[in-house]
Amino acid sequence: MLPHDQFMFAELTGGGDGQTLRLVFAAHEVSVHGHQLRRIETVMQRLELSQLAKLPKHQRNLITEGQPVILEITVTESREAEKETKET
C-alpha cells in the first residue's frame, strides 16, 4: 500500500512482447513487467489507480486483446530512502 501523495513519476520502457513500468514513490520504487502497460501508467499519473496485481497464468486467456497484463511486480526501497536510513 503506497499512498498517492508520495507518487513522484512513472516511466514506461520496452515494447512488443514485454514492457516495464517503473512507478517511483518517495521511499519506494515499483517495477511492473507485462504487456499493454500504457493504460496503467495513465491511470497512475491521474492518481486513479486503486489496486495493482499480477495476473495468474491460468487466467491470462480471459483477457481481451489490448488490455494490460501484469506478469510480475517488484517493490524496492528507493536509493534516497536507503541513504537516509544509513545516515540516521
C-alpha atoms as a PDB file:
ATOM      1  CA  MET A   1       0.000   0.000   0.000  1.00  0.00           C
ATOM      2  CA  LEU A   2       1.780   3.079  -1.281  1.00  0.00           C
ATOM      3  CA  PRO A   3      -0.079   6.384  -0.883  1.00  0.00           C
ATOM      4  CA  HIS A   4      -0.794   8.520  -3.947  1.00  0.00           C
ATOM      5  CA  ASP A   5       0.563  11.620  -2.206  1.00  0.00           C
ATOM      6  CA  GLN A   6       4.040  10.010  -2.272  1.00  0.00           C
ATOM      7  CA  PHE A   7       3.869   9.213  -6.005  1.00  0.00           C
ATOM      8  CA  MET A   8       6.524  11.089  -7.974  1.00  0.00           C
ATOM      9  CA  PHE A   9       6.522   9.801 -11.574  1.00  0.00           C
ATOM     10  CA  ALA A  10       6.041   6.848 -13.923  1.00  0.00           C
ATOM     11  CA  GLU A  11       8.348   5.664 -16.696  1.00  0.00           C
ATOM     12  CA  LEU A  12       7.363   3.101 -19.364  1.00  0.00           C
ATOM     13  CA  THR A  13      10.071   1.273 -21.335  1.00  0.00           C
ATOM     14  CA  GLY A  14      10.106  -1.564 -23.817  1.00  0.00           C
ATOM     15  CA  GLY A  15       7.601  -2.634 -26.373  1.00  0.00           C
ATOM     16  CA  GLY A  16       6.276  -5.575 -28.281  1.00  0.00           C
ATOM     17  CA  ASP A  17       6.100  -8.643 -26.074  1.00  0.00           C
ATOM     18  CA  GLY A  18       7.477  -7.061 -22.923  1.00  0.00           C
ATOM     19  CA  GLN A  19       7.222  -3.730 -21.195  1.00  0.00           C
ATOM     20  CA  THR A  20       8.445  -2.418 -17.872  1.00  0.00           C
ATOM     21  CA  LEU A  21       6.582   0.278 -15.980  1.00  0.00           C
ATOM     22  CA  ARG A  22       8.561   1.983 -13.232  1.00  0.00           C
ATOM     23  CA  LEU A  23       6.444   3.745 -10.602  1.00  0.00           C
ATOM     24  CA  VAL A  24       8.556   5.958  -8.349  1.00  0.00           C
ATOM     25  CA  PHE A  25       7.319   6.970  -4.904  1.00  0.00           C
ATOM     26  CA  ALA A  26       9.078   8.987  -2.183  1.00  0.00           C
ATOM     27  CA  ALA A  27      10.517   5.935  -0.441  1.00  0.00           C
ATOM     28  CA  HIS A  28       9.861   3.028  -2.847  1.00  0.00           C
ATOM     29  CA  GLU A  29      10.014   2.012  -6.479  1.00  0.00           C
ATOM     30  CA  VAL A  30       7.549  -0.385  -8.063  1.00  0.00           C
ATOM     31  CA  SER A  31       8.634  -2.241 -11.186  1.00  0.00           C
ATOM     32  CA  VAL A  32       5.794  -3.791 -13.204  1.00  0.00           C
ATOM     33  CA  HIS A  33       6.547  -6.189 -16.075  1.00  0.00           C
ATOM     34  CA  GLY A  34       3.913  -7.152 -18.612  1.00  0.00           C
ATOM     35  CA  HIS A  35       2.068  -6.116 -21.763  1.00  0.00           C
ATOM     36  CA  GLN A  36      -0.037  -3.078 -22.707  1.00  0.00           C
ATOM     37  CA  LEU A  37       1.059  -1.181 -19.580  1.00  0.00           C
ATOM     38  CA  ARG A  38       0.436   2.297 -21.031  1.00  0.00           C
ATOM     39  CA  ARG A  39      -3.111   2.280 -19.585  1.00  0.00           C
ATOM     40  CA  ILE A  40      -1.748   1.566 -16.116  1.00  0.00           C
ATOM     41  CA  GLU A  41       0.775   4.383 -16.486  1.00  0.00           C
ATOM     42  CA  THR A  42      -2.017   6.782 -17.454  1.00  0.00           C
ATOM     43  CA  VAL A  43      -4.334   5.971 -14.541  1.00  0.00           C
ATOM     44  CA  MET A  44      -1.428   6.115 -12.109  1.00  0.00           C
ATOM     45  CA  GLN A  45      -0.442   9.587 -13.313  1.00  0.00           C
ATOM     46  CA  ARG A  46      -4.058  10.654 -12.830  1.00  0.00           C
ATOM     47  CA  LEU A  47      -3.882   9.177  -9.296  1.00  0.00           C
ATOM     48  CA  GLU A  48      -6.852   6.923 -10.098  1.00  0.00           C
ATOM     49  CA  LEU A  49      -5.228   3.509  -9.609  1.00  0.00           C
ATOM     50  CA  SER A  50      -6.526   1.747  -6.516  1.00  0.00           C
ATOM     51  CA  GLN A  51      -5.061  -1.747  -6.909  1.00  0.00           C
ATOM     52  CA  LEU A  52      -2.371  -3.475  -8.932  1.00  0.00           C
ATOM     53  CA  ALA A  53      -1.995  -7.265  -9.071  1.00  0.00           C
ATOM     54  CA  LYS A  54      -0.198  -9.928 -11.064  1.00  0.00           C
ATOM     55  CA  LEU A  55      -2.492 -11.955 -13.300  1.00  0.00           C
ATOM     56  CA  PRO A  56      -2.323 -15.706 -12.618  1.00  0.00           C
ATOM     57  CA  LYS A  57      -1.148 -17.730 -15.611  1.00  0.00           C
ATOM     58  CA  HIS A  58      -4.376 -19.739 -15.811  1.00  0.00           C
ATOM     59  CA  GLN A  59      -6.439 -16.533 -16.219  1.00  0.00           C
ATOM     60  CA  ARG A  60      -4.418 -14.863 -18.984  1.00  0.00           C
ATOM     61  CA  ASN A  61      -6.616 -16.331 -21.724  1.00  0.00           C
ATOM     62  CA  LEU A  62      -9.583 -14.399 -20.252  1.00  0.00           C
ATOM     63  CA  ILE A  63      -8.031 -11.002 -21.057  1.00  0.00           C
ATOM     64  CA  THR A  64      -9.113  -9.444 -24.336  1.00  0.00           C
ATOM     65  CA  GLU A  65      -6.518  -8.139 -26.767  1.00  0.00           C
ATOM     66  CA  GLY A  66      -5.197  -4.696 -25.923  1.00  0.00           C
ATOM     67  CA  GLN A  67      -5.867  -4.956 -22.185  1.00  0.00           C
ATOM     68  CA  PRO A  68      -2.997  -4.660 -19.683  1.00  0.00           C
ATOM     69  CA  VAL A  69      -1.473  -7.908 -18.435  1.00  0.00           C
ATOM     70  CA  ILE A  70       0.846  -7.848 -15.413  1.00  0.00           C
ATOM     71  CA  LEU A  71       3.337 -10.704 -15.267  1.00  0.00           C
ATOM     72  CA  GLU A  72       5.497  -9.555 -12.342  1.00  0.00           C
ATOM     73  CA  ILE A  73       5.569  -6.816  -9.694  1.00  0.00           C
ATOM     74  CA  THR A  74       8.686  -5.921  -7.701  1.00  0.00           C
ATOM     75  CA  VAL A  75       8.745  -3.340  -4.889  1.00  0.00           C
ATOM     76  CA  THR A  76      12.073  -1.995  -3.638  1.00  0.00           C
ATOM     77  CA  GLU A  77      13.121   0.729  -1.263  1.00  0.00           C
ATOM     78  CA  SER A  78      14.384   3.749  -3.207  1.00  0.00           C
ATOM     79  CA  ARG A  79      18.055   4.721  -3.105  1.00  0.00           C
ATOM     80  CA  GLU A  80      17.271   8.029  -1.403  1.00  0.00           C
ATOM     81  CA  ALA A  81      15.370   6.261   1.379  1.00  0.00           C
ATOM     82  CA  GLU A  82      18.245   3.780   1.789  1.00  0.00           C
ATOM     83  CA  LYS A  83      20.726   6.656   2.155  1.00  0.00           C
ATOM     84  CA  GLU A  84      18.559   8.360   4.793  1.00  0.00           C
ATOM     85  CA  THR A  85      18.249   5.094   6.724  1.00  0.00           C
ATOM     86  CA  LYS A  86      22.023   4.564   6.723  1.00  0.00           C
ATOM     87  CA  GLU A  87      22.739   8.154   7.801  1.00  0.00           C
ATOM     88  CA  THR A  88      20.476   8.012  10.883  1.00  0.00           C
END
